[in-house]
Structures are given as structure tokens and as C-alpha cells.
Amino acid sequence: MSIQIFGTKKCFDTKKAERWFKERGVKCQLIDMKEKGMSRGEFNNVISAVGGIDNLINDKAKDKDVLTLMKYLTDEDRIEKLFENQQLIKTPVVRSGKKAVIGFQPEIWKDWE
């Protein structure tokens, strides 16, 4: 099983997710969203796996201007704007192949093993 955790070093849920997998001997790759972010393919897969762009947007993000703007954009434009501003994505995003979940959700991760 190949696990990718997209998050930030300061996010407590990201740290908890990484620890959860390491405690179970599952190798995981931590990708710091501030440094690298998701590729276009990963981003599109995550959107479909989590049930749409609305589930991915962090309403508590610091960039309130972009959040407000996104409310008035079409779905295609919202996807582009979120891809350009990945700091607005809720973290952690935990991915295994085509499956992905947002947040600390060990009850779902258990089924992935």
C-alpha cells in the first residue's frame, strides 16, 4: 500500500495522520503543501475521490479574498482557482491510489490495508 499525505508541517492533523501510519508500519510519503503541492493529476483524482470541490475547500483559510471570490465563480473556474491556490485545501489529504480522504480519519484508513 502506497500512502501519500498532503499537508503542512504546522498542521496537527497532518502530524497525527503521519504518526498513525508509521505506528502501523505503513510507509507514507509526506508532501508539504507549502513547498510542493499536488500535481494536476493528483488534484483531479482527489476531487473525484472526496466528492467534489466543495469538500476540499477550507472555509477557515487565511486568504479570505480568494475564498469570497470562489463563491461567485463557475465550477470549472473554482477548480482552476483552487489548483492555483492550494493553501485553501483542507489538510491533511490522505491518498492511496484512487482513494482519498480529508482530515484525520483512521476508521476509513483501516479499510485500505
Protein backbone atom coordinates (compact mmCIF):
# COMPACT_ATOMS: atom_id res chain seq x y z
CA MET A 1 0.00 0.00 0.00
CA SER A 2 1.36 3.39 -1.03
CA ILE A 3 0.15 6.32 1.06
CA GLN A 4 0.61 10.00 0.30
CA ILE A 5 -0.19 12.62 2.92
CA PHE A 6 -0.62 16.15 1.63
CA GLY A 7 -0.44 18.66 4.47
CA THR A 8 1.69 21.21 6.23
CA LYS A 9 4.30 20.83 8.93
CA LYS A 10 2.28 23.01 11.31
CA CYS A 11 -1.00 21.08 10.88
CA PHE A 12 -1.68 18.86 13.90
CA ASP A 13 -3.99 16.53 11.97
CA THR A 14 -1.25 16.03 9.37
CA LYS A 15 1.21 15.06 12.11
CA LYS A 16 -1.36 12.69 13.65
CA ALA A 17 -2.01 11.04 10.27
CA GLU A 18 1.69 10.53 9.62
CA ARG A 19 2.16 9.06 13.12
CA TRP A 20 -0.88 6.75 12.68
CA PHE A 21 0.59 5.15 9.56
CA LYS A 22 4.12 4.91 10.97
CA GLU A 23 2.83 3.18 14.12
CA ARG A 24 1.29 0.50 11.91
CA GLY A 25 4.42 0.04 9.81
CA VAL A 26 2.86 1.57 6.69
CA LYS A 27 5.24 3.62 4.62
CA CYS A 28 3.87 7.03 3.79
CA GLN A 29 5.15 9.98 1.84
CA LEU A 30 4.52 13.41 3.38
CA ILE A 31 4.18 16.20 0.82
CA ASP A 32 4.34 19.69 2.28
CA MET A 33 1.66 21.74 0.52
CA LYS A 34 3.60 24.95 1.17
CA GLU A 35 6.64 23.65 -0.67
CA LYS A 36 5.30 21.43 -3.43
CA GLY A 37 1.55 20.89 -3.60
CA MET A 38 -0.36 18.46 -5.80
CA SER A 39 0.18 17.79 -9.46
CA ARG A 40 -2.77 18.30 -11.81
CA GLY A 41 -3.50 14.54 -11.98
CA GLU A 42 -3.34 14.10 -8.19
CA PHE A 43 -5.56 17.14 -7.73
CA ASN A 44 -8.21 15.85 -10.15
CA ASN A 45 -8.15 12.37 -8.56
CA VAL A 46 -8.59 13.85 -5.09
CA ILE A 47 -11.55 15.99 -6.20
CA SER A 48 -13.36 12.94 -7.57
CA ALA A 49 -12.46 10.76 -4.56
CA VAL A 50 -13.73 13.23 -1.95
CA GLY A 51 -16.99 14.00 -3.73
CA GLY A 52 -16.31 17.37 -5.32
CA ILE A 53 -14.51 20.62 -4.84
CA ASP A 54 -16.76 21.87 -2.01
CA ASN A 55 -15.47 19.14 0.30
CA LEU A 56 -11.88 20.19 -0.40
CA ILE A 57 -12.14 23.92 0.34
CA ASN A 58 -11.10 25.08 3.80
CA ASP A 59 -13.59 27.78 4.81
CA LYS A 60 -11.26 28.81 7.63
CA ALA A 61 -8.27 29.54 5.37
CA LYS A 62 -6.43 32.82 5.90
CA ASP A 63 -6.90 34.10 2.33
CA LYS A 64 -10.45 35.42 2.76
CA ASP A 65 -10.36 37.38 -0.51
CA VAL A 66 -9.89 34.27 -2.65
CA LEU A 67 -12.47 32.36 -0.59
CA THR A 68 -15.02 35.11 -1.20
CA LEU A 69 -14.19 35.23 -4.91
CA MET A 70 -14.62 31.47 -5.24
CA LYS A 71 -18.26 31.71 -4.14
CA TYR A 72 -19.06 33.61 -7.34
CA LEU A 73 -17.10 31.52 -9.85
CA THR A 74 -18.35 28.67 -12.03
CA ASP A 75 -17.32 25.15 -11.00
CA GLU A 76 -14.59 24.98 -13.67
CA ASP A 77 -13.16 28.35 -12.59
CA ARG A 78 -13.33 27.33 -8.92
CA ILE A 79 -11.33 24.20 -9.69
CA GLU A 80 -8.68 26.26 -11.50
CA LYS A 81 -8.55 28.86 -8.71
CA LEU A 82 -8.18 26.15 -6.05
CA PHE A 83 -5.43 24.43 -8.05
CA GLU A 84 -3.58 27.78 -8.24
CA ASN A 85 -4.17 28.46 -4.51
CA GLN A 86 -3.64 25.09 -2.87
CA GLN A 87 -3.21 26.73 0.54
CA LEU A 88 -7.05 26.81 0.59
CA ILE A 89 -7.29 22.99 0.67
CA LYS A 90 -8.23 21.30 3.95
CA THR A 91 -5.40 19.23 5.36
CA PRO A 92 -4.38 16.51 5.57
CA VAL A 93 -5.42 14.95 2.30
CA VAL A 94 -4.54 11.25 2.60
CA ARG A 95 -4.33 9.36 -0.66
CA SER A 96 -3.92 5.72 -1.60
CA GLY A 97 -4.19 5.13 -5.34
CA LYS A 98 -7.57 6.45 -6.48
CA LYS A 99 -8.91 6.67 -2.91
CA ALA A 100 -8.57 9.84 -0.85
CA VAL A 101 -9.98 11.34 2.32
CA ILE A 102 -9.65 14.69 4.03
CA GLY A 103 -8.72 15.03 7.67
CA PHE A 104 -7.74 12.54 10.34
CA GLN A 105 -9.95 9.51 9.58
CA PRO A 106 -8.33 6.29 10.81
CA GLU A 107 -11.64 4.40 10.61
CA ILE A 108 -11.50 4.77 6.82
CA TRP A 109 -7.75 4.11 6.57
CA LYS A 110 -8.18 0.73 8.32
CA ASP A 111 -10.22 -0.48 5.34
CA TRP A 112 -7.39 0.44 2.97
CA GLU A 113 -4.98 -2.12 4.47
